[in-house]
Amino acid sequence: MWKRGDIYLWIFRFTTVVVIVVWLYMLISIYGSGGEFGDQAGKCMFGTMFLFTILGVVHRWKEYM
């Protein structure tokens, strides 16, 4: 049946896919909103750092379980 580690691995995989899809959607919406490069760069950097911090926390959580 299912092992405990398998469930955490699938949670990590699902979270990874969700974060990447949200990140791509965010980048496309920022690009589509227009504006100067300086305005877009800050939003892209903040969003990227925020989403991949969440992914890093989930990865660390999986290691300790």
PDB file of N, CA and C in Angstrom:
ATOM      1  N   MET A   1       0.849  -1.189   0.000  1.00  0.00           N
ATOM      2  CA  MET A   1       0.000   0.000   0.000  1.00  0.00           C
ATOM      3  C   MET A   1       0.890   1.246   0.000  1.00  0.00           C
ATOM      4  N   TRP A   2       0.425   2.309   0.582  1.00  0.00           N
ATOM      5  CA  TRP A   2       1.173   3.563   0.630  1.00  0.00           C
ATOM      6  C   TRP A   2       2.107   3.570   1.833  1.00  0.00           C
ATOM      7  N   LYS A   3       3.312   4.032   1.611  1.00  0.00           N
ATOM      8  CA  LYS A   3       4.236   4.265   2.710  1.00  0.00           C
ATOM      9  C   LYS A   3       4.133   5.732   3.110  1.00  0.00           C
ATOM     10  N   ARG A   4       4.576   6.017   4.318  1.00  0.00           N
ATOM     11  CA  ARG A   4       4.494   7.392   4.804  1.00  0.00           C
ATOM     12  C   ARG A   4       5.327   8.335   3.941  1.00  0.00           C
ATOM     13  N   GLY A   5       6.509   7.914   3.523  1.00  0.00           N
ATOM     14  CA  GLY A   5       7.363   8.752   2.705  1.00  0.00           C
ATOM     15  C   GLY A   5       6.779   9.032   1.330  1.00  0.00           C
ATOM     16  N   ASP A   6       6.012   8.083   0.797  1.00  0.00           N
ATOM     17  CA  ASP A   6       5.393   8.276  -0.516  1.00  0.00           C
ATOM     18  C   ASP A   6       4.392   9.420  -0.505  1.00  0.00           C
ATOM     19  N   ILE A   7       3.641   9.519   0.569  1.00  0.00           N
ATOM     20  CA  ILE A   7       2.634  10.581   0.664  1.00  0.00           C
ATOM     21  C   ILE A   7       3.313  11.948   0.689  1.00  0.00           C
ATOM     22  N   TYR A   8       4.399  12.070   1.456  1.00  0.00           N
ATOM     23  CA  TYR A   8       5.119  13.341   1.502  1.00  0.00           C
ATOM     24  C   TYR A   8       5.754  13.681   0.154  1.00  0.00           C
ATOM     25  N   LEU A   9       6.229  12.668  -0.543  1.00  0.00           N
ATOM     26  CA  LEU A   9       6.799  12.893  -1.861  1.00  0.00           C
ATOM     27  C   LEU A   9       5.737  13.416  -2.828  1.00  0.00           C
ATOM     28  N   TRP A  10       4.538  12.853  -2.782  1.00  0.00           N
ATOM     29  CA  TRP A  10       3.470  13.319  -3.663  1.00  0.00           C
ATOM     30  C   TRP A  10       2.990  14.713  -3.281  1.00  0.00           C
ATOM     31  N   ILE A  11       2.981  15.022  -1.983  1.00  0.00           N
ATOM     32  CA  ILE A  11       2.628  16.380  -1.550  1.00  0.00           C
ATOM     33  C   ILE A  11       3.654  17.369  -2.105  1.00  0.00           C
ATOM     34  N   PHE A  12       4.935  17.005  -2.029  1.00  0.00           N
ATOM     35  CA  PHE A  12       5.980  17.881  -2.556  1.00  0.00           C
ATOM     36  C   PHE A  12       5.848  18.047  -4.059  1.00  0.00           C
ATOM     37  N   ARG A  13       5.600  16.972  -4.770  1.00  0.00           N
ATOM     38  CA  ARG A  13       5.443  17.065  -6.229  1.00  0.00           C
ATOM     39  C   ARG A  13       4.252  17.940  -6.603  1.00  0.00           C
ATOM     40  N   PHE A  14       3.122  17.747  -5.917  1.00  0.00           N
ATOM     41  CA  PHE A  14       1.926  18.540  -6.196  1.00  0.00           C
ATOM     42  C   PHE A  14       2.186  20.018  -5.910  1.00  0.00           C
ATOM     43  N   THR A  15       2.829  20.300  -4.778  1.00  0.00           N
ATOM     44  CA  THR A  15       3.136  21.679  -4.428  1.00  0.00           C
ATOM     45  C   THR A  15       4.074  22.313  -5.445  1.00  0.00           C
ATOM     46  N   THR A  16       5.042  21.540  -5.921  1.00  0.00           N
ATOM     47  CA  THR A  16       5.969  22.051  -6.925  1.00  0.00           C
ATOM     48  C   THR A  16       5.242  22.431  -8.200  1.00  0.00           C
ATOM     49  N   VAL A  17       4.355  21.577  -8.659  1.00  0.00           N
ATOM     50  CA  VAL A  17       3.607  21.867  -9.884  1.00  0.00           C
ATOM     51  C   VAL A  17       2.729  23.098  -9.693  1.00  0.00           C
ATOM     52  N   VAL A  18       2.057  23.193  -8.553  1.00  0.00           N
ATOM     53  CA  VAL A  18       1.181  24.339  -8.289  1.00  0.00           C
ATOM     54  C   VAL A  18       1.987  25.632  -8.248  1.00  0.00           C
ATOM     55  N   VAL A  19       3.140  25.628  -7.579  1.00  0.00           N
ATOM     56  CA  VAL A  19       3.956  26.838  -7.480  1.00  0.00           C
ATOM     57  C   VAL A  19       4.454  27.267  -8.855  1.00  0.00           C
ATOM     58  N   ILE A  20       4.891  26.333  -9.676  1.00  0.00           N
ATOM     59  CA  ILE A  20       5.389  26.686 -11.009  1.00  0.00           C
ATOM     60  C   ILE A  20       4.269  27.223 -11.890  1.00  0.00           C
ATOM     61  N   VAL A  21       3.079  26.626 -11.809  1.00  0.00           N
ATOM     62  CA  VAL A  21       1.948  27.119 -12.602  1.00  0.00           C
ATOM     63  C   VAL A  21       1.552  28.526 -12.152  1.00  0.00           C
ATOM     64  N   VAL A  22       1.501  28.758 -10.849  1.00  0.00           N
ATOM     65  CA  VAL A  22       1.164  30.097 -10.337  1.00  0.00           C
ATOM     66  C   VAL A  22       2.231  31.100 -10.745  1.00  0.00           C
ATOM     67  N   TRP A  23       3.506  30.693 -10.702  1.00  0.00           N
ATOM     68  CA  TRP A  23       4.603  31.569 -11.086  1.00  0.00           C
ATOM     69  C   TRP A  23       4.513  31.952 -12.556  1.00  0.00           C
ATOM     70  N   LEU A  24       4.256  30.985 -13.415  1.00  0.00           N
ATOM     71  CA  LEU A  24       4.121  31.289 -14.846  1.00  0.00           C
ATOM     72  C   LEU A  24       2.919  32.192 -15.110  1.00  0.00           C
ATOM     73  N   TYR A  25       1.792  31.933 -14.454  1.00  0.00           N
ATOM     74  CA  TYR A  25       0.609  32.783 -14.608  1.00  0.00           C
ATOM     75  C   TYR A  25       0.915  34.207 -14.151  1.00  0.00           C
ATOM     76  N   MET A  26       1.640  34.324 -13.033  1.00  0.00           N
ATOM     77  CA  MET A  26       1.990  35.636 -12.515  1.00  0.00           C
ATOM     78  C   MET A  26       2.886  36.391 -13.502  1.00  0.00           C
ATOM     79  N   LEU A  27       3.887  35.707 -14.043  1.00  0.00           N
ATOM     80  CA  LEU A  27       4.778  36.361 -14.998  1.00  0.00           C
ATOM     81  C   LEU A  27       4.037  36.808 -16.252  1.00  0.00           C
ATOM     82  N   ILE A  28       3.138  35.977 -16.745  1.00  0.00           N
ATOM     83  CA  ILE A  28       2.368  36.331 -17.941  1.00  0.00           C
ATOM     84  C   ILE A  28       1.450  37.511 -17.656  1.00  0.00           C
ATOM     85  N   SER A  29       0.820  37.531 -16.486  1.00  0.00           N
ATOM     86  CA  SER A  29      -0.089  38.643 -16.170  1.00  0.00           C
ATOM     87  C   SER A  29       0.688  39.949 -15.964  1.00  0.00           C
ATOM     88  N   ILE A  30       1.876  39.878 -15.365  1.00  0.00           N
ATOM     89  CA  ILE A  30       2.688  41.090 -15.197  1.00  0.00           C
ATOM     90  C   ILE A  30       3.141  41.595 -16.554  1.00  0.00           C
ATOM     91  N   TYR A  31       3.569  40.686 -17.412  1.00  0.00           N
ATOM     92  CA  TYR A  31       4.018  41.080 -18.749  1.00  0.00           C
ATOM     93  C   TYR A  31       2.866  41.686 -19.552  1.00  0.00           C
ATOM     94  N   GLY A  32       1.677  41.118 -19.408  1.00  0.00           N
ATOM     95  CA  GLY A  32       0.522  41.602 -20.160  1.00  0.00           C
ATOM     96  C   GLY A  32      -0.036  42.918 -19.655  1.00  0.00           C
ATOM     97  N   SER A  33       0.294  43.287 -18.419  1.00  0.00           N
ATOM     98  CA  SER A  33      -0.252  44.524 -17.861  1.00  0.00           C
ATOM     99  C   SER A  33       0.407  45.770 -18.439  1.00  0.00           C
ATOM    100  N   GLY A  34       1.547  45.587 -19.060  1.00  0.00           N
ATOM    101  CA  GLY A  34       2.233  46.725 -19.660  1.00  0.00           C
ATOM    102  C   GLY A  34       3.037  47.485 -18.634  1.00  0.00           C
ATOM    103  N   GLY A  35       3.506  48.622 -19.032  1.00  0.00           N
ATOM    104  CA  GLY A  35       4.313  49.439 -18.139  1.00  0.00           C
ATOM    105  C   GLY A  35       5.783  49.337 -18.491  1.00  0.00           C
ATOM    106  N   GLU A  36       6.570  50.091 -17.771  1.00  0.00           N
ATOM    107  CA  GLU A  36       8.000  50.113 -18.012  1.00  0.00           C
ATOM    108  C   GLU A  36       8.679  48.909 -17.368  1.00  0.00           C
ATOM    109  N   PHE A  37       9.899  48.655 -17.819  1.00  0.00           N
ATOM    110  CA  PHE A  37      10.650  47.517 -17.293  1.00  0.00           C
ATOM    111  C   PHE A  37      10.887  47.646 -15.795  1.00  0.00           C
ATOM    112  N   GLY A  38      11.168  48.847 -15.333  1.00  0.00           N
ATOM    113  CA  GLY A  38      11.426  49.061 -13.912  1.00  0.00           C
ATOM    114  C   GLY A  38      10.241  48.692 -13.035  1.00  0.00           C
ATOM    115  N   ASP A  39       9.032  48.955 -13.519  1.00  0.00           N
ATOM    116  CA  ASP A  39       7.832  48.591 -12.758  1.00  0.00           C
ATOM    117  C   ASP A  39       7.631  47.083 -12.742  1.00  0.00           C
ATOM    118  N   GLN A  40       7.865  46.448 -13.868  1.00  0.00           N
ATOM    119  CA  GLN A  40       7.644  45.009 -13.972  1.00  0.00           C
ATOM    120  C   GLN A  40       8.706  44.200 -13.235  1.00  0.00           C
ATOM    121  N   ALA A  41       9.940  44.673 -13.227  1.00  0.00           N
ATOM    122  CA  ALA A  41      11.043  43.913 -12.630  1.00  0.00           C
ATOM    123  C   ALA A  41      10.836  43.705 -11.133  1.00  0.00           C
ATOM    124  N   GLY A  42      10.395  44.726 -10.441  1.00  0.00           N
ATOM    125  CA  GLY A  42      10.162  44.594  -9.001  1.00  0.00           C
ATOM    126  C   GLY A  42       9.085  43.582  -8.680  1.00  0.00           C
ATOM    127  N   LYS A  43       8.003  43.630  -9.425  1.00  0.00           N
ATOM    128  CA  LYS A  43       6.912  42.680  -9.206  1.00  0.00           C
ATOM    129  C   LYS A  43       7.349  41.256  -9.501  1.00  0.00           C
ATOM    130  N   CYS A  44       8.099  41.082 -10.584  1.00  0.00           N
ATOM    131  CA  CYS A  44       8.574  39.738 -10.951  1.00  0.00           C
ATOM    132  C   CYS A  44       9.523  39.185  -9.898  1.00  0.00           C
ATOM    133  N   MET A  45      10.445  40.021  -9.431  1.00  0.00           N
ATOM    134  CA  MET A  45      11.413  39.559  -8.426  1.00  0.00           C
ATOM    135  C   MET A  45      10.722  39.209  -7.111  1.00  0.00           C
ATOM    136  N   PHE A  46       9.808  40.061  -6.666  1.00  0.00           N
ATOM    137  CA  PHE A  46       9.107  39.785  -5.416  1.00  0.00           C
ATOM    138  C   PHE A  46       8.272  38.514  -5.523  1.00  0.00           C
ATOM    139  N   GLY A  47       7.534  38.381  -6.607  1.00  0.00           N
ATOM    140  CA  GLY A  47       6.705  37.197  -6.784  1.00  0.00           C
ATOM    141  C   GLY A  47       7.522  35.930  -6.876  1.00  0.00           C
ATOM    142  N   THR A  48       8.632  35.985  -7.581  1.00  0.00           N
ATOM    143  CA  THR A  48       9.493  34.811  -7.718  1.00  0.00           C
ATOM    144  C   THR A  48      10.086  34.421  -6.369  1.00  0.00           C
ATOM    145  N   MET A  49      10.590  35.385  -5.633  1.00  0.00           N
ATOM    146  CA  MET A  49      11.172  35.085  -4.325  1.00  0.00           C
ATOM    147  C   MET A  49      10.121  34.545  -3.368  1.00  0.00           C
ATOM    148  N   PHE A  50       8.932  35.097  -3.378  1.00  0.00           N
ATOM    149  CA  PHE A  50       7.868  34.651  -2.483  1.00  0.00           C
ATOM    150  C   PHE A  50       7.442  33.220  -2.789  1.00  0.00           C
ATOM    151  N   LEU A  51       7.175  32.939  -4.058  1.00  0.00           N
ATOM    152  CA  LEU A  51       6.690  31.607  -4.417  1.00  0.00           C
ATOM    153  C   LEU A  51       7.748  30.528  -4.197  1.00  0.00           C
ATOM    154  N   PHE A  52       8.989  30.807  -4.544  1.00  0.00           N
ATOM    155  CA  PHE A  52      10.013  29.792  -4.357  1.00  0.00           C
ATOM    156  C   PHE A  52      10.465  29.673  -2.903  1.00  0.00           C
ATOM    157  N   THR A  53      10.193  30.674  -2.069  1.00  0.00           N
ATOM    158  CA  THR A  53      10.380  30.521  -0.628  1.00  0.00           C
ATOM    159  C   THR A  53       9.360  29.530  -0.084  1.00  0.00           C
ATOM    160  N   ILE A  54       8.124  29.625  -0.540  1.00  0.00           N
ATOM    161  CA  ILE A  54       7.102  28.660  -0.136  1.00  0.00           C
ATOM    162  C   ILE A  54       7.525  27.252  -0.547  1.00  0.00           C
ATOM    163  N   LEU A  55       8.014  27.120  -1.764  1.00  0.00           N
ATOM    164  CA  LEU A  55       8.459  25.818  -2.241  1.00  0.00           C
ATOM    165  C   LEU A  55       9.637  25.302  -1.405  1.00  0.00           C
ATOM    166  N   GLY A  56      10.549  26.167  -1.037  1.00  0.00           N
ATOM    167  CA  GLY A  56      11.677  25.761  -0.192  1.00  0.00           C
ATOM    168  C   GLY A  56      11.234  25.314   1.190  1.00  0.00           C
ATOM    169  N   VAL A  57      10.257  26.002   1.763  1.00  0.00           N
ATOM    170  CA  VAL A  57       9.731  25.614   3.079  1.00  0.00           C
ATOM    171  C   VAL A  57       9.080  24.243   3.002  1.00  0.00           C
ATOM    172  N   VAL A  58       8.322  23.991   1.964  1.00  0.00           N
ATOM    173  CA  VAL A  58       7.685  22.680   1.807  1.00  0.00           C
ATOM    174  C   VAL A  58       8.745  21.601   1.637  1.00  0.00           C
ATOM    175  N   HIS A  59       9.808  21.901   0.897  1.00  0.00           N
ATOM    176  CA  HIS A  59      10.884  20.931   0.705  1.00  0.00           C
ATOM    177  C   HIS A  59      11.577  20.617   2.031  1.00  0.00           C
ATOM    178  N   ARG A  60      11.847  21.630   2.837  1.00  0.00           N
ATOM    179  CA  ARG A  60      12.470  21.410   4.144  1.00  0.00           C
ATOM    180  C   ARG A  60      11.542  20.625   5.053  1.00  0.00           C
ATOM    181  N   TRP A  61      10.264  20.921   4.998  1.00  0.00           N
ATOM    182  CA  TRP A  61       9.282  20.207   5.812  1.00  0.00           C
ATOM    183  C   TRP A  61       9.285  18.733   5.445  1.00  0.00           C
ATOM    184  N   LYS A  62       9.397  18.444   4.146  1.00  0.00           N
ATOM    185  CA  LYS A  62       9.413  17.054   3.690  1.00  0.00           C
ATOM    186  C   LYS A  62      10.648  16.328   4.195  1.00  0.00           C
ATOM    187  N   GLU A  63      11.791  17.019   4.253  1.00  0.00           N
ATOM    188  CA  GLU A  63      13.019  16.386   4.739  1.00  0.00           C
ATOM    189  C   GLU A  63      12.930  16.003   6.196  1.00  0.00           C
ATOM    190  N   TYR A  64      12.230  16.803   7.007  1.00  0.00           N
ATOM    191  CA  TYR A  64      12.159  16.525   8.435  1.00  0.00           C
ATOM    192  C   TYR A  64      11.070  15.536   8.800  1.00  0.00           C
ATOM    193  N   MET A  65      10.205  15.211   7.892  1.00  0.00           N
ATOM    194  CA  MET A  65       9.135  14.251   8.187  1.00  0.00           C
ATOM    195  C   MET A  65       9.591  12.829   7.988  1.00  0.00           C
TER     196      MET A  65
END
